[in-house]
């Protein structure tokens, strides 16, 4: 249902997992953009994958529900949730995808015509490469380390941000009754 409208311009070299680890030790905390390391398109493909409760499918259901509830008019919203991108690379594990969308719905009889513009934002932090903190306190997130506890797991490296974004459009004609529509 969604069409990617932003240009995905990736570098010629796709980073392997060990290059993310190397950057952790020598990159000085410099943030990494997915498109610069050849991972954006595979992240988008994973987000688009159906039947595994991934990003596009979940958001489409939310948008359809919202559009059906207003019938005709303008609407907007945003989301933020962690998703498993480990099939792209274990490095991406549970990463956050946030969205911001604006759209309109127009009811004609039992049909609903929906047009929506969506911006996606991918966010992750590379830290604790050997999962020391995750094993000891249940998370690698350094902000969750209890006060006074040493920040173990960094082993001489520096946490860095991995990020990027893309845009899509969603155009659909659906039945007002979800039980009669292929789009629920």
Protein backbone atom coordinates (compact mmCIF):
# COMPACT_ATOMS: atom_id res chain seq x y z
CA UNK A 1 0.00 0.00 0.00
CA UNK A 2 2.82 2.45 0.72
CA UNK A 3 5.17 3.83 -1.90
CA UNK A 4 8.60 5.11 -0.87
CA UNK A 5 8.86 8.67 -2.16
CA UNK A 6 12.28 9.69 -0.87
CA UNK A 7 15.44 8.94 -2.80
CA UNK A 8 17.51 6.19 -1.22
CA UNK A 9 21.08 7.10 -2.09
CA UNK A 10 23.48 4.65 -0.50
CA UNK A 11 27.23 4.41 -0.66
CA UNK A 12 28.91 1.76 -2.75
CA UNK A 13 30.20 -0.12 0.28
CA UNK A 14 27.79 -1.89 2.66
CA UNK A 15 29.19 -2.16 6.17
CA UNK A 16 29.50 -5.55 7.78
CA UNK A 17 28.85 -6.02 11.52
CA UNK A 18 32.55 -5.78 12.40
CA UNK A 19 32.80 -2.31 10.82
CA UNK A 20 30.18 -1.04 13.29
CA UNK A 21 32.27 -2.56 16.10
CA UNK A 22 35.46 -1.01 14.68
CA UNK A 23 33.73 2.40 14.54
CA UNK A 24 32.72 1.96 18.20
CA UNK A 25 36.42 1.81 19.14
CA UNK A 26 37.95 4.35 16.76
CA UNK A 27 35.06 6.58 15.60
CA UNK A 28 35.07 8.84 18.65
CA UNK A 29 31.28 8.70 19.00
CA UNK A 30 30.63 10.11 15.50
CA UNK A 31 27.08 9.28 14.45
CA UNK A 32 26.44 7.04 11.45
CA UNK A 33 23.73 7.52 8.84
CA UNK A 34 22.32 4.24 7.45
CA UNK A 35 22.48 5.46 3.85
CA UNK A 36 26.20 6.25 4.26
CA UNK A 37 26.95 2.64 5.22
CA UNK A 38 24.62 0.87 2.79
CA UNK A 39 21.92 -0.23 5.25
CA UNK A 40 18.98 2.09 4.56
CA UNK A 41 17.33 0.12 1.75
CA UNK A 42 17.49 -3.17 3.69
CA UNK A 43 16.03 -1.43 6.75
CA UNK A 44 13.17 -0.10 4.59
CA UNK A 45 12.64 -3.56 3.09
CA UNK A 46 12.43 -5.09 6.57
CA UNK A 47 10.05 -2.33 7.71
CA UNK A 48 7.85 -3.12 4.70
CA UNK A 49 7.82 -6.89 5.28
CA UNK A 50 4.33 -8.24 5.91
CA UNK A 51 3.16 -10.93 8.30
CA UNK A 52 5.81 -10.25 10.94
CA UNK A 53 4.09 -7.22 12.51
CA UNK A 54 6.66 -4.85 11.10
CA UNK A 55 6.52 -1.09 10.76
CA UNK A 56 4.49 -0.42 7.58
CA UNK A 57 1.79 -2.96 8.35
CA UNK A 58 1.26 -1.76 11.93
CA UNK A 59 1.14 1.90 10.91
CA UNK A 60 -1.25 1.21 8.01
CA UNK A 61 -3.69 -0.45 10.43
CA UNK A 62 -3.47 2.54 12.75
CA UNK A 63 -4.05 4.99 9.89
CA UNK A 64 -7.00 2.99 8.49
CA UNK A 65 -8.61 2.85 11.92
CA UNK A 66 -8.14 6.60 12.37
CA UNK A 67 -9.46 7.39 8.87
CA UNK A 68 -12.52 5.15 9.36
CA UNK A 69 -13.27 6.83 12.68
CA UNK A 70 -13.40 10.33 11.12
CA UNK A 71 -15.07 9.29 7.85
CA UNK A 72 -14.18 12.46 5.93
CA UNK A 73 -11.62 15.09 6.85
CA UNK A 74 -8.00 15.74 7.71
CA UNK A 75 -6.03 13.77 10.28
CA UNK A 76 -2.48 13.37 11.54
CA UNK A 77 -0.49 11.46 14.09
CA UNK A 78 2.83 10.13 15.19
CA UNK A 79 4.21 6.89 16.53
CA UNK A 80 7.38 5.60 18.13
CA UNK A 81 8.15 1.97 18.80
CA UNK A 82 11.02 -0.51 18.94
CA UNK A 83 11.24 -3.10 16.16
CA UNK A 84 13.53 -6.05 15.59
CA UNK A 85 15.87 -5.37 12.66
CA UNK A 86 18.37 -8.13 13.54
CA UNK A 87 17.68 -9.90 10.24
CA UNK A 88 19.34 -6.92 8.52
CA UNK A 89 22.29 -7.12 10.93
CA UNK A 90 22.48 -8.13 14.57
CA UNK A 91 23.86 -4.62 15.12
CA UNK A 92 20.39 -3.14 14.56
CA UNK A 93 18.59 -5.50 16.97
CA UNK A 94 15.79 -3.56 18.67
CA UNK A 95 15.86 -0.14 17.04
CA UNK A 96 13.34 2.65 17.32
CA UNK A 97 11.27 3.77 14.36
CA UNK A 98 9.23 6.95 14.81
CA UNK A 99 6.73 8.28 12.32
CA UNK A 100 4.90 11.48 11.64
CA UNK A 101 2.00 11.50 9.21
CA UNK A 102 -0.67 13.79 7.78
CA UNK A 103 -3.54 12.72 5.60
CA UNK A 104 -7.08 13.05 4.47
CA UNK A 105 -10.04 10.74 4.13
CA UNK A 106 -13.04 11.18 1.87
CA UNK A 107 -16.10 8.98 2.25
CA UNK A 108 -18.18 8.07 -0.79
CA UNK A 109 -20.96 5.69 0.16
CA UNK A 110 -19.32 2.66 1.77
CA UNK A 111 -15.92 3.50 0.27
CA UNK A 112 -13.25 5.55 1.96
CA UNK A 113 -10.50 7.19 -0.09
CA UNK A 114 -7.36 7.77 1.94
CA UNK A 115 -4.26 9.80 1.06
CA UNK A 116 -1.43 10.07 3.59
CA UNK A 117 2.15 11.37 3.60
CA UNK A 118 4.40 9.62 6.12
CA UNK A 119 7.90 10.44 7.39
CA UNK A 120 9.87 7.65 9.06
CA UNK A 121 12.82 8.17 11.41
CA UNK A 122 15.15 5.29 12.35
CA UNK A 123 17.17 5.63 15.55
CA UNK A 124 19.54 3.34 17.38
CA UNK A 125 22.57 3.60 19.61
CA UNK A 126 25.57 1.32 19.32
CA UNK A 127 26.88 0.52 22.77
CA UNK A 128 27.86 -2.43 24.93
CA UNK A 129 29.07 -4.59 21.98
CA UNK A 130 29.48 -7.73 24.10
CA UNK A 131 26.13 -7.25 25.89
CA UNK A 132 27.77 -7.06 29.32
CA UNK A 133 25.25 -4.49 30.66
CA UNK A 134 22.38 -6.32 29.02
CA UNK A 135 23.30 -9.53 30.88
CA UNK A 136 23.89 -7.73 34.19
CA UNK A 137 21.00 -5.23 34.35
CA UNK A 138 18.70 -6.36 31.52
CA UNK A 139 19.45 -3.55 29.05
CA UNK A 140 22.38 -2.07 27.14
CA UNK A 141 20.91 1.43 27.51
CA UNK A 142 23.52 3.45 29.45
CA UNK A 143 20.82 5.82 30.76
CA UNK A 144 19.32 2.88 32.68
CA UNK A 145 22.47 2.16 34.68
CA UNK A 146 21.67 2.64 38.37
CA UNK A 147 23.37 5.65 40.02
CA UNK A 148 26.78 4.77 41.42
CA UNK A 149 27.15 1.62 39.27
CA UNK A 150 30.13 1.73 36.90
CA UNK A 151 29.31 1.94 33.19
CA UNK A 152 30.53 -1.50 32.25
CA UNK A 153 30.43 -2.89 28.73
CA UNK A 154 32.03 -0.03 26.81
CA UNK A 155 35.51 -1.63 26.97
CA UNK A 156 37.26 1.47 25.69
CA UNK A 157 34.75 2.30 22.97
CA UNK A 158 32.37 5.21 22.59
CA UNK A 159 28.59 4.98 22.20
CA UNK A 160 27.35 6.37 18.90
CA UNK A 161 24.04 7.07 17.21
CA UNK A 162 22.85 5.22 14.07
CA UNK A 163 20.05 7.06 12.28
CA UNK A 164 18.30 7.87 9.01
CA UNK A 165 14.88 8.56 7.59
CA UNK A 166 12.64 8.09 4.58
CA UNK A 167 9.23 9.16 3.34
CA UNK A 168 6.26 7.30 1.87
CA UNK A 169 2.80 7.94 0.55
CA UNK A 170 -0.20 5.78 1.33
CA UNK A 171 -3.12 5.87 -1.10
CA UNK A 172 -5.97 3.45 -0.58
CA UNK A 173 -9.64 2.89 -1.23
CA UNK A 174 -11.16 0.77 1.52
CA UNK A 175 -14.57 -0.33 2.67
CA UNK A 176 -15.84 1.54 5.73
CA UNK A 177 -16.60 -1.84 7.30
CA UNK A 178 -13.25 -3.47 8.14
CA UNK A 179 -14.82 -6.94 8.00
CA UNK A 180 -15.68 -6.35 4.32
CA UNK A 181 -12.32 -4.88 3.38
CA UNK A 182 -9.03 -6.47 2.43
CA UNK A 183 -7.45 -3.71 4.50
CA UNK A 184 -8.29 -3.95 8.17
